[in-house]
């Protein structure tokens, strides 16, 4: 009589709970079937370790609409602001604001969805100001996109985009500029490409 194949052994084990021999640990059928009535200590530890580790998510701090923070805020995580901050904000990651901030802001990237900022905004990558928002302060970033009112100077190492609802009362310094019809500017333009330094040998 022929010896049963691994598939046949696994099928019997699933249907009848039979385990004719203990070769399944070597063949891997036990692992595939996943119905070991007495799993090894190593298997239990591996499953427990996998379940104990939640999926990695980027951390976020949220200032809710009913919150007023008086003082500086520093965070290594993303920050969502729906409330009010009366103080400087230093964020190592991204900020999204739909509230009010009175203080200077430093972040990796910054987006003002609605609300207002009174203070300077410095971002490593991008600043995006949506329609209906208001900034009273200077803005410095790699890229700046404005569809709102800004009273202050804009400085971008790359590009400044003024959308149709942009109203700028200040000077603009950038590598390039894009201006949609309807945008208003009261100030000077300084558009220049960054020059590479060439060392003579």
Protein backbone atom coordinates (compact mmCIF):
# COMPACT_ATOMS: atom_id res chain seq x y z
CA UNK A 1 0.00 0.00 0.00
CA UNK A 2 1.35 3.36 -0.94
CA UNK A 3 2.30 5.83 1.76
CA UNK A 4 0.01 8.86 1.83
CA UNK A 5 1.28 12.06 0.27
CA UNK A 6 1.78 15.19 2.34
CA UNK A 7 -1.44 16.54 0.89
CA UNK A 8 -3.34 13.44 1.95
CA UNK A 9 -1.91 13.64 5.47
CA UNK A 10 -2.88 17.28 5.76
CA UNK A 11 -6.37 16.52 4.44
CA UNK A 12 -6.87 13.75 7.01
CA UNK A 13 -5.63 16.02 9.75
CA UNK A 14 -8.06 18.76 8.78
CA UNK A 15 -11.06 16.44 8.52
CA UNK A 16 -10.41 13.96 11.30
CA UNK A 17 -7.72 15.52 13.46
CA UNK A 18 -5.45 12.56 12.57
CA UNK A 19 -1.71 12.95 12.80
CA UNK A 20 -0.27 9.63 11.58
CA UNK A 21 3.34 10.57 12.09
CA UNK A 22 5.32 13.53 13.28
CA UNK A 23 7.12 14.17 10.00
CA UNK A 24 4.90 17.19 9.43
CA UNK A 25 7.27 19.40 11.43
CA UNK A 26 9.97 18.68 8.88
CA UNK A 27 7.77 18.85 5.76
CA UNK A 28 6.08 22.11 6.75
CA UNK A 29 2.55 20.75 6.31
CA UNK A 30 1.72 21.66 9.90
CA UNK A 31 2.65 25.26 9.23
CA UNK A 32 0.60 25.37 6.01
CA UNK A 33 -2.43 23.67 7.54
CA UNK A 34 -2.25 25.90 10.61
CA UNK A 35 -4.24 23.49 12.85
CA UNK A 36 -1.63 22.12 15.22
CA UNK A 37 -3.51 21.05 18.39
CA UNK A 38 -0.32 21.46 20.44
CA UNK A 39 1.80 24.20 18.84
CA UNK A 40 5.41 24.48 19.85
CA UNK A 41 6.64 27.14 22.28
CA UNK A 42 8.55 28.80 19.42
CA UNK A 43 5.35 28.97 17.34
CA UNK A 44 3.38 30.50 20.25
CA UNK A 45 6.14 33.09 20.83
CA UNK A 46 6.23 33.99 17.12
CA UNK A 47 2.45 34.46 16.92
CA UNK A 48 2.35 36.48 20.15
CA UNK A 49 5.18 38.70 18.92
CA UNK A 50 3.40 39.36 15.61
CA UNK A 51 0.15 40.22 17.39
CA UNK A 52 1.86 42.46 19.95
CA UNK A 53 3.28 44.75 17.27
CA UNK A 54 0.61 47.10 15.88
CA UNK A 55 0.98 48.35 12.31
CA UNK A 56 3.33 51.32 12.13
CA UNK A 57 1.55 54.63 11.77
CA UNK A 58 2.90 58.15 11.80
CA UNK A 59 2.02 59.85 15.06
CA UNK A 60 -0.23 62.92 15.07
CA UNK A 61 -1.00 65.58 17.64
CA UNK A 62 -4.41 67.26 17.36
CA UNK A 63 -5.42 70.59 18.87
CA UNK A 64 -9.22 70.41 18.88
CA UNK A 65 -11.52 73.35 18.12
CA UNK A 66 -12.35 73.96 21.79
CA UNK A 67 -8.70 74.09 22.91
CA UNK A 68 -6.65 77.25 23.56
CA UNK A 69 -2.95 76.69 24.21
CA UNK A 70 -1.01 79.56 25.76
CA UNK A 71 2.69 78.95 25.30
CA UNK A 72 5.08 77.31 22.88
CA UNK A 73 4.37 73.94 21.28
CA UNK A 74 7.09 71.51 20.20
CA UNK A 75 6.33 68.18 18.52
CA UNK A 76 8.21 65.47 16.63
CA UNK A 77 4.93 64.24 15.12
CA UNK A 78 2.48 65.78 12.64
CA UNK A 79 0.25 68.51 14.10
CA UNK A 80 -3.38 69.25 13.21
CA UNK A 81 -4.65 72.54 14.64
CA UNK A 82 -8.38 73.22 14.79
CA UNK A 83 -8.19 75.41 17.90
CA UNK A 84 -5.97 78.31 18.98
CA UNK A 85 -2.28 78.47 19.85
CA UNK A 86 -0.88 81.62 21.45
CA UNK A 87 2.83 80.95 21.13
CA UNK A 88 5.52 79.65 18.79
CA UNK A 89 5.16 76.21 17.18
CA UNK A 90 8.08 73.94 16.27
CA UNK A 91 7.07 70.83 14.35
CA UNK A 92 9.59 68.35 12.97
CA UNK A 93 7.00 66.97 10.54
CA UNK A 94 3.90 68.34 8.75
CA UNK A 95 1.34 70.85 10.02
CA UNK A 96 -2.25 71.37 8.91
CA UNK A 97 -4.08 74.35 10.41
CA UNK A 98 -7.78 75.16 10.37
CA UNK A 99 -7.63 77.38 13.45
CA UNK A 100 -5.64 80.36 14.71
CA UNK A 101 -1.99 80.74 15.67
CA UNK A 102 -0.33 83.82 17.11
CA UNK A 103 3.37 83.02 16.99
CA UNK A 104 6.15 81.94 14.68
CA UNK A 105 5.93 78.53 13.01
CA UNK A 106 8.70 76.13 12.00
CA UNK A 107 7.71 72.88 10.24
CA UNK A 108 8.72 70.45 7.53
CA UNK A 109 5.64 71.44 5.50
CA UNK A 110 2.73 73.72 6.36
CA UNK A 111 -0.85 73.90 5.09
CA UNK A 112 -3.36 76.56 6.15
CA UNK A 113 -6.82 75.28 5.23
CA UNK A 114 -8.74 78.08 6.98
CA UNK A 115 -8.23 80.46 9.87
CA UNK A 116 -5.38 82.87 10.43
CA UNK A 117 -1.71 83.09 11.33
CA UNK A 118 -0.06 86.10 12.97
CA UNK A 119 3.65 85.38 12.82
CA UNK A 120 6.34 84.15 10.47
CA UNK A 121 6.12 80.74 8.77
CA UNK A 122 9.29 78.78 7.97
CA UNK A 123 9.02 75.40 6.22
CA UNK A 124 11.69 73.12 4.85
CA UNK A 125 9.60 72.02 1.88
CA UNK A 126 6.18 73.53 1.14
CA UNK A 127 3.76 76.18 2.39
CA UNK A 128 0.21 76.01 1.01
CA UNK A 129 -2.35 78.70 1.92
CA UNK A 130 -5.93 77.88 0.90
CA UNK A 131 -8.68 80.32 -0.08
CA UNK A 132 -10.31 82.08 2.87
CA UNK A 133 -7.24 81.96 5.12
CA UNK A 134 -5.14 84.92 6.26
CA UNK A 135 -1.45 85.35 7.15
CA UNK A 136 0.14 88.40 8.73
CA UNK A 137 3.85 87.58 8.65
CA UNK A 138 6.75 86.56 6.42
CA UNK A 139 6.83 83.16 4.70
CA UNK A 140 9.98 81.21 3.83
CA UNK A 141 10.02 77.76 2.17
CA UNK A 142 11.24 75.80 -0.82
CA UNK A 143 7.82 76.16 -2.52
CA UNK A 144 5.00 78.56 -1.65
CA UNK A 145 1.44 78.36 -3.00
CA UNK A 146 -1.00 81.14 -2.05
CA UNK A 147 -4.74 81.41 -2.67
CA UNK A 148 -5.44 83.80 0.22
CA UNK A 149 -4.38 87.11 1.76
CA UNK A 150 -0.81 87.57 2.98
CA UNK A 151 0.58 90.71 4.59
CA UNK A 152 4.31 90.04 4.57
CA UNK A 153 7.16 88.94 2.36
CA UNK A 154 7.36 85.63 0.50
CA UNK A 155 10.69 83.89 -0.04
CA UNK A 156 11.03 80.58 -1.90
CA UNK A 157 14.20 78.86 -3.03
CA UNK A 158 12.18 77.18 -5.77
CA UNK A 159 8.78 78.54 -6.89
CA UNK A 160 6.01 80.86 -5.69
CA UNK A 161 2.52 80.24 -7.07
CA UNK A 162 -0.09 82.97 -6.73
CA UNK A 163 -3.53 81.54 -7.43
CA UNK A 164 -6.57 83.57 -8.50
CA UNK A 165 -7.60 84.61 -4.95
CA UNK A 166 -4.11 85.58 -3.77
CA UNK A 167 -3.69 89.08 -2.35
CA UNK A 168 -0.08 89.83 -1.40
CA UNK A 169 1.01 92.99 0.39
CA UNK A 170 4.75 92.46 0.47
CA UNK A 171 7.81 91.57 -1.57
CA UNK A 172 8.42 88.26 -3.32
CA UNK A 173 11.81 86.62 -3.78
CA UNK A 174 11.87 83.28 -5.62
CA UNK A 175 13.60 81.10 -8.19
CA UNK A 176 10.48 81.25 -10.39
CA UNK A 177 6.92 82.54 -10.15
CA UNK A 178 3.50 81.55 -11.46
CA UNK A 179 0.66 84.09 -11.29
CA UNK A 180 -2.95 83.30 -12.18
CA UNK A 181 -5.32 85.93 -13.49
CA UNK A 182 -7.04 87.69 -10.59
CA UNK A 183 -4.09 87.56 -8.18
CA UNK A 184 -3.02 90.88 -6.61
CA UNK A 185 0.49 91.95 -5.66
CA UNK A 186 1.57 95.15 -3.92
CA UNK A 187 5.33 94.90 -3.63
CA UNK A 188 8.53 94.11 -5.47
CA UNK A 189 9.48 90.95 -7.38
CA UNK A 190 12.96 89.44 -7.25
CA UNK A 191 13.02 86.38 -9.48
CA UNK A 192 16.38 84.64 -9.88
CA UNK A 193 17.70 81.16 -10.42
CA UNK A 194 20.17 79.85 -7.88
CA UNK A 195 23.64 80.03 -9.36
CA UNK A 196 25.99 77.10 -8.92
CA UNK A 197 29.35 77.92 -7.44
CA UNK A 198 32.16 76.89 -9.76
CA UNK A 199 35.55 76.46 -8.20
CA UNK A 200 38.55 77.05 -10.44
CA UNK A 201 41.29 74.46 -10.25
